[in-house]
Amino acid sequence: IIDTGIQGQIAAPLMLPDGRLLCFVVDRSGPMTMKLWVSNDGVRTWPADESMVVYEHQEQATLTQSTSDVDFAQYWVDMQRWSFGHPAIRLLDDGRVFVAFYAGVPGCLSVRWASIDPLG
């Protein structure tokens, strides 16, 4: 187990044929985002300037998980506000990367996706 230094929660990894490792990550620690990270050196480094924001969630939740005195009622309210996540990633036959996740607002969620050229 290696600390990547990537802020976030659930992540979906994908090894590319050229040896790079991609990681599609849910980050609820700052601006709420779904980010695609890349390691070019066998997972030793994950340069922030090479990461890509795929989705930015507009509804901000109170970050009760980052405090030591967790109010569980507020935690469940936050879980309803955090209506995005569950990253999935696959390599397509044409060399592009397909990412999928859910996002929306409480009561109105949808599946979102993007096709990304990992070389571009």
N, C-alpha and C. Protein backbone atom coordinates (compact mmCIF):
# COMPACT_ATOMS: atom_id res chain seq x y z
N ILE A 1 0.85 -1.18 0.00
CA ILE A 1 0.00 0.00 0.00
C ILE A 1 0.89 1.23 0.00
N ILE A 2 0.57 2.17 -0.90
CA ILE A 2 1.35 3.39 -1.06
C ILE A 2 0.40 4.59 -0.98
N ASP A 3 0.81 5.61 -0.22
CA ASP A 3 0.05 6.86 -0.18
C ASP A 3 0.31 7.62 -1.47
N THR A 4 -0.72 7.83 -2.26
CA THR A 4 -0.58 8.55 -3.53
C THR A 4 -0.51 10.06 -3.32
N GLY A 5 -1.01 10.53 -2.19
CA GLY A 5 -1.10 11.96 -1.98
C GLY A 5 -2.32 12.58 -2.63
N ILE A 6 -3.13 11.76 -3.29
CA ILE A 6 -4.34 12.25 -3.94
C ILE A 6 -5.45 12.37 -2.91
N GLN A 7 -6.02 13.58 -2.79
CA GLN A 7 -7.17 13.78 -1.92
C GLN A 7 -8.38 13.13 -2.55
N GLY A 8 -9.17 12.45 -1.76
CA GLY A 8 -10.40 11.90 -2.31
C GLY A 8 -10.85 10.67 -1.57
N GLN A 9 -11.86 10.07 -2.12
CA GLN A 9 -12.47 8.90 -1.50
C GLN A 9 -12.41 7.73 -2.46
N ILE A 10 -13.51 7.41 -3.06
CA ILE A 10 -13.59 6.26 -3.95
C ILE A 10 -12.80 6.56 -5.22
N ALA A 11 -12.03 5.57 -5.69
CA ALA A 11 -11.24 5.74 -6.91
C ALA A 11 -11.35 4.50 -7.78
N ALA A 12 -11.29 4.71 -9.09
CA ALA A 12 -11.31 3.62 -10.05
C ALA A 12 -10.02 3.70 -10.87
N PRO A 13 -9.15 2.68 -10.79
CA PRO A 13 -7.89 2.71 -11.53
C PRO A 13 -8.00 2.06 -12.91
N LEU A 14 -7.07 2.43 -13.79
CA LEU A 14 -6.98 1.81 -15.12
C LEU A 14 -5.53 1.87 -15.59
N MET A 15 -4.95 0.72 -15.89
CA MET A 15 -3.60 0.66 -16.45
C MET A 15 -3.72 0.77 -17.97
N LEU A 16 -3.00 1.73 -18.54
CA LEU A 16 -2.98 1.91 -20.00
C LEU A 16 -1.93 0.99 -20.61
N PRO A 17 -2.10 0.64 -21.88
CA PRO A 17 -1.14 -0.25 -22.55
C PRO A 17 0.30 0.28 -22.51
N ASP A 18 0.48 1.61 -22.44
CA ASP A 18 1.83 2.18 -22.43
C ASP A 18 2.46 2.21 -21.03
N GLY A 19 1.75 1.66 -20.02
CA GLY A 19 2.30 1.58 -18.67
C GLY A 19 1.86 2.68 -17.73
N ARG A 20 1.22 3.72 -18.26
CA ARG A 20 0.71 4.76 -17.36
C ARG A 20 -0.49 4.22 -16.59
N LEU A 21 -0.68 4.73 -15.38
CA LEU A 21 -1.84 4.36 -14.59
C LEU A 21 -2.73 5.59 -14.44
N LEU A 22 -4.01 5.42 -14.77
CA LEU A 22 -5.01 6.47 -14.56
C LEU A 22 -5.80 6.12 -13.32
N CYS A 23 -6.30 7.15 -12.65
CA CYS A 23 -7.14 6.94 -11.48
C CYS A 23 -8.25 7.99 -11.52
N PHE A 24 -9.48 7.54 -11.58
CA PHE A 24 -10.65 8.42 -11.62
C PHE A 24 -11.17 8.51 -10.18
N VAL A 25 -11.12 9.70 -9.59
CA VAL A 25 -11.29 9.87 -8.14
C VAL A 25 -12.44 10.82 -7.79
N VAL A 26 -13.20 10.44 -6.77
CA VAL A 26 -14.21 11.31 -6.15
C VAL A 26 -13.50 12.12 -5.08
N ASP A 27 -13.56 13.45 -5.18
CA ASP A 27 -12.94 14.31 -4.16
C ASP A 27 -14.00 15.24 -3.58
N ARG A 28 -14.30 15.03 -2.31
CA ARG A 28 -15.27 15.87 -1.61
C ARG A 28 -14.59 16.72 -0.54
N SER A 29 -13.28 16.95 -0.68
CA SER A 29 -12.54 17.66 0.36
C SER A 29 -12.45 19.16 0.13
N GLY A 30 -12.55 19.62 -1.08
CA GLY A 30 -12.44 21.04 -1.37
C GLY A 30 -13.53 21.38 -2.34
N PRO A 31 -13.17 21.91 -3.52
CA PRO A 31 -14.21 21.98 -4.52
C PRO A 31 -14.61 20.53 -4.84
N MET A 32 -15.86 20.24 -4.77
CA MET A 32 -16.36 18.87 -4.97
C MET A 32 -16.19 18.48 -6.43
N THR A 33 -15.31 17.50 -6.70
CA THR A 33 -15.00 17.17 -8.08
C THR A 33 -14.88 15.66 -8.31
N MET A 34 -14.91 15.31 -9.57
CA MET A 34 -14.49 14.00 -10.07
C MET A 34 -13.28 14.32 -10.93
N LYS A 35 -12.12 13.75 -10.56
CA LYS A 35 -10.88 14.07 -11.25
C LYS A 35 -10.22 12.82 -11.82
N LEU A 36 -9.57 13.01 -12.95
CA LEU A 36 -8.77 11.95 -13.56
C LEU A 36 -7.30 12.29 -13.32
N TRP A 37 -6.61 11.39 -12.63
CA TRP A 37 -5.19 11.55 -12.31
C TRP A 37 -4.38 10.58 -13.15
N VAL A 38 -3.11 10.91 -13.40
CA VAL A 38 -2.23 10.03 -14.17
C VAL A 38 -0.87 9.91 -13.47
N SER A 39 -0.36 8.69 -13.45
CA SER A 39 1.00 8.45 -12.98
C SER A 39 1.79 7.90 -14.16
N ASN A 40 2.89 8.59 -14.47
CA ASN A 40 3.74 8.20 -15.59
C ASN A 40 4.94 7.37 -15.14
N ASP A 41 5.08 7.14 -13.83
CA ASP A 41 6.29 6.51 -13.31
C ASP A 41 6.00 5.35 -12.35
N GLY A 42 5.01 4.55 -12.71
CA GLY A 42 4.74 3.37 -11.89
C GLY A 42 4.14 3.69 -10.53
N VAL A 43 3.34 4.68 -10.42
CA VAL A 43 2.58 5.15 -9.25
C VAL A 43 3.43 5.84 -8.19
N ARG A 44 4.67 6.21 -8.52
CA ARG A 44 5.48 6.95 -7.53
C ARG A 44 4.99 8.38 -7.39
N THR A 45 4.58 8.99 -8.50
CA THR A 45 4.09 10.37 -8.44
C THR A 45 2.78 10.51 -9.22
N TRP A 46 1.99 11.48 -8.79
CA TRP A 46 0.71 11.81 -9.42
C TRP A 46 0.66 13.33 -9.56
N PRO A 47 1.31 13.91 -10.57
CA PRO A 47 1.40 15.37 -10.69
C PRO A 47 0.03 16.05 -10.78
N ALA A 48 -0.19 17.00 -9.89
CA ALA A 48 -1.47 17.72 -9.88
C ALA A 48 -1.69 18.49 -11.18
N ASP A 49 -0.62 19.00 -11.78
CA ASP A 49 -0.77 19.79 -13.01
C ASP A 49 -1.13 18.92 -14.22
N GLU A 50 -1.08 17.60 -14.06
CA GLU A 50 -1.49 16.70 -15.14
C GLU A 50 -2.86 16.08 -14.87
N SER A 51 -3.49 16.44 -13.75
CA SER A 51 -4.83 15.92 -13.45
C SER A 51 -5.86 16.71 -14.24
N MET A 52 -7.04 16.10 -14.41
CA MET A 52 -8.10 16.74 -15.19
C MET A 52 -9.41 16.67 -14.40
N VAL A 53 -10.06 17.81 -14.22
CA VAL A 53 -11.38 17.83 -13.61
C VAL A 53 -12.37 17.40 -14.68
N VAL A 54 -13.07 16.30 -14.41
CA VAL A 54 -14.07 15.79 -15.34
C VAL A 54 -15.44 16.36 -14.99
N TYR A 55 -15.66 16.58 -13.68
CA TYR A 55 -16.96 17.08 -13.21
C TYR A 55 -16.73 17.89 -11.95
N GLU A 56 -17.43 19.03 -11.83
CA GLU A 56 -17.41 19.82 -10.60
C GLU A 56 -18.83 19.94 -10.08
N HIS A 57 -19.04 19.46 -8.87
CA HIS A 57 -20.36 19.47 -8.26
C HIS A 57 -20.65 20.85 -7.70
N GLN A 58 -21.81 21.39 -8.01
CA GLN A 58 -22.13 22.76 -7.62
C GLN A 58 -22.69 22.90 -6.21
N GLU A 59 -23.32 21.86 -5.69
CA GLU A 59 -23.91 21.95 -4.37
C GLU A 59 -22.88 21.57 -3.32
N GLN A 60 -22.55 22.50 -2.44
CA GLN A 60 -21.53 22.25 -1.43
C GLN A 60 -22.15 21.72 -0.15
N ALA A 61 -21.55 20.71 0.41
CA ALA A 61 -22.02 20.11 1.66
C ALA A 61 -21.11 20.54 2.79
N THR A 62 -21.64 20.60 3.98
CA THR A 62 -20.83 20.83 5.16
C THR A 62 -19.92 19.63 5.34
N LEU A 63 -18.66 19.88 5.58
CA LEU A 63 -17.70 18.78 5.65
C LEU A 63 -17.61 18.22 7.07
N THR A 64 -18.67 17.58 7.52
CA THR A 64 -18.69 17.04 8.87
C THR A 64 -17.71 15.90 9.03
N GLN A 65 -17.37 15.20 7.96
CA GLN A 65 -16.45 14.08 8.08
C GLN A 65 -15.05 14.53 8.46
N SER A 66 -14.72 15.78 8.24
CA SER A 66 -13.36 16.24 8.53
C SER A 66 -13.21 16.74 9.97
N THR A 67 -14.25 16.66 10.76
CA THR A 67 -14.16 17.10 12.15
C THR A 67 -14.13 15.90 13.07
N SER A 68 -13.60 16.12 14.27
CA SER A 68 -13.54 15.01 15.22
C SER A 68 -14.87 14.81 15.94
N ASP A 69 -15.67 15.85 16.07
CA ASP A 69 -16.98 15.75 16.72
C ASP A 69 -18.07 15.66 15.65
N VAL A 70 -18.28 14.47 15.13
CA VAL A 70 -19.22 14.28 14.03
C VAL A 70 -20.64 14.28 14.55
N ASP A 71 -21.47 15.12 13.94
CA ASP A 71 -22.91 15.16 14.20
C ASP A 71 -23.53 14.23 13.14
N PHE A 72 -23.97 13.04 13.56
CA PHE A 72 -24.43 12.05 12.59
C PHE A 72 -25.69 12.48 11.86
N ALA A 73 -26.52 13.29 12.48
CA ALA A 73 -27.69 13.81 11.76
C ALA A 73 -27.21 14.69 10.60
N GLN A 74 -26.22 15.55 10.86
CA GLN A 74 -25.67 16.40 9.80
C GLN A 74 -24.94 15.56 8.75
N TYR A 75 -24.30 14.48 9.20
CA TYR A 75 -23.61 13.58 8.28
C TYR A 75 -24.58 13.02 7.24
N TRP A 76 -25.77 12.60 7.67
CA TRP A 76 -26.76 12.05 6.73
C TRP A 76 -27.31 13.14 5.82
N VAL A 77 -27.44 14.35 6.32
CA VAL A 77 -27.84 15.47 5.46
C VAL A 77 -26.77 15.68 4.38
N ASP A 78 -25.50 15.62 4.81
CA ASP A 78 -24.40 15.77 3.85
C ASP A 78 -24.44 14.68 2.79
N MET A 79 -24.72 13.46 3.20
CA MET A 79 -24.75 12.35 2.24
C MET A 79 -25.80 12.60 1.16
N GLN A 80 -26.92 13.24 1.53
CA GLN A 80 -27.93 13.56 0.52
C GLN A 80 -27.43 14.67 -0.41
N ARG A 81 -26.65 15.61 0.12
CA ARG A 81 -26.11 16.69 -0.71
C ARG A 81 -25.01 16.20 -1.64
N TRP A 82 -24.28 15.18 -1.20
CA TRP A 82 -23.19 14.66 -2.01
C TRP A 82 -23.75 13.72 -3.05
N SER A 83 -24.49 14.26 -3.94
CA SER A 83 -25.19 13.44 -4.92
C SER A 83 -24.36 13.29 -6.19
N PHE A 84 -23.13 12.80 -6.00
CA PHE A 84 -22.28 12.46 -7.13
C PHE A 84 -21.25 11.44 -6.67
N GLY A 85 -20.78 10.63 -7.59
CA GLY A 85 -19.74 9.67 -7.22
C GLY A 85 -19.80 8.38 -7.99
N HIS A 86 -19.29 7.32 -7.38
CA HIS A 86 -19.16 5.96 -7.94
C HIS A 86 -18.49 5.98 -9.31
N PRO A 87 -17.19 6.30 -9.33
CA PRO A 87 -16.47 6.36 -10.60
C PRO A 87 -16.26 4.99 -11.23
N ALA A 88 -16.33 4.96 -12.54
CA ALA A 88 -16.01 3.77 -13.33
C ALA A 88 -15.15 4.24 -14.50
N ILE A 89 -14.21 3.39 -14.92
CA ILE A 89 -13.31 3.77 -16.01
C ILE A 89 -12.97 2.53 -16.84
N ARG A 90 -12.96 2.69 -18.15
CA ARG A 90 -12.65 1.59 -19.07
C ARG A 90 -11.87 2.13 -20.27
N LEU A 91 -11.01 1.30 -20.82
CA LEU A 91 -10.30 1.63 -22.04
C LEU A 91 -11.16 1.22 -23.23
N LEU A 92 -11.34 2.13 -24.18
CA LEU A 92 -12.10 1.84 -25.39
C LEU A 92 -11.18 1.30 -26.48
N ASP A 93 -11.75 0.63 -27.46
CA ASP A 93 -10.96 0.03 -28.54
C ASP A 93 -10.14 1.06 -29.32
N ASP A 94 -10.61 2.31 -29.39
CA ASP A 94 -9.89 3.34 -30.15
C ASP A 94 -8.80 4.03 -29.34
N GLY A 95 -8.54 3.56 -28.10
CA GLY A 95 -7.49 4.14 -27.26
C GLY A 95 -7.98 5.24 -26.34
N ARG A 96 -9.23 5.66 -26.52
CA ARG A 96 -9.79 6.67 -25.62
C ARG A 96 -10.20 5.99 -24.32
N VAL A 97 -10.42 6.80 -23.31
CA VAL A 97 -10.84 6.30 -22.00
C VAL A 97 -12.28 6.74 -21.76
N PHE A 98 -13.11 5.82 -21.32
CA PHE A 98 -14.51 6.10 -21.01
C PHE A 98 -14.64 6.14 -19.49
N VAL A 99 -15.18 7.25 -18.95
CA VAL A 99 -15.45 7.36 -17.53
C VAL A 99 -16.95 7.57 -17.33
N ALA A 100 -17.47 7.01 -16.26
CA ALA A 100 -18.90 7.17 -15.94
C ALA A 100 -19.04 7.35 -14.43
N PHE A 101 -20.11 8.05 -14.04
CA PHE A 101 -20.39 8.32 -12.63
C PHE A 101 -21.82 8.81 -12.52
N TYR A 102 -22.32 8.93 -11.31
CA TYR A 102 -23.65 9.52 -11.15
C TYR A 102 -23.49 10.93 -10.60
N ALA A 103 -24.43 11.80 -10.93
CA ALA A 103 -24.39 13.18 -10.44
C ALA A 103 -25.77 13.80 -10.59
N GLY A 104 -25.99 14.87 -9.87
CA GLY A 104 -27.24 15.60 -9.94
C GLY A 104 -27.51 16.30 -8.63
N VAL A 105 -28.76 16.43 -8.33
CA VAL A 105 -29.19 17.02 -7.05
C VAL A 105 -30.08 15.99 -6.37
N PRO A 106 -30.22 16.08 -5.05
CA PRO A 106 -31.07 15.11 -4.36
C PRO A 106 -32.44 15.01 -5.02
N GLY A 107 -32.85 13.78 -5.30
CA GLY A 107 -34.13 13.55 -5.94
C GLY A 107 -34.10 13.56 -7.45
N CYS A 108 -32.97 13.97 -8.03
CA CYS A 108 -32.87 14.03 -9.49
C CYS A 108 -31.43 13.71 -9.91
N LEU A 109 -31.10 12.43 -9.89
CA LEU A 109 -29.76 11.98 -10.25
C LEU A 109 -29.75 11.42 -11.67
N SER A 110 -28.59 11.44 -12.30
CA SER A 110 -28.46 10.85 -13.62
C SER A 110 -27.07 10.24 -13.76
N VAL A 111 -26.92 9.39 -14.75
CA VAL A 111 -25.61 8.85 -15.08
C VAL A 111 -24.94 9.81 -16.03
N ARG A 112 -23.70 10.16 -15.73
CA ARG A 112 -22.92 11.05 -16.57
C ARG A 112 -21.74 10.26 -17.13
N TRP A 113 -21.21 10.70 -18.27
CA TRP A 113 -20.07 10.00 -18.83
C TRP A 113 -19.25 10.97 -19.67
N ALA A 114 -18.00 10.56 -19.92
CA ALA A 114 -17.13 11.33 -20.80
C ALA A 114 -16.19 10.36 -21.50
N SER A 115 -15.83 10.71 -22.71
CA SER A 115 -14.83 9.97 -23.47
C SER A 115 -13.61 10.89 -23.57
N ILE A 116 -12.46 10.40 -23.11
CA ILE A 116 -11.28 11.25 -22.96
C ILE A 116 -10.11 10.65 -23.72
N ASP A 117 -9.37 11.49 -24.43
CA ASP A 117 -8.16 11.05 -25.10
C ASP A 117 -7.01 11.18 -24.10
N PRO A 118 -6.45 10.07 -23.61
CA PRO A 118 -5.41 10.17 -22.59
C PRO A 118 -4.10 10.77 -23.11
N LEU A 119 -3.97 10.92 -24.42
CA LEU A 119 -2.77 11.54 -24.97
C LEU A 119 -2.97 13.03 -25.23
N GLY A 120 -4.23 13.46 -25.24
CA GLY A 120 -4.53 14.84 -25.57
C GLY A 120 -4.71 15.64 -24.38
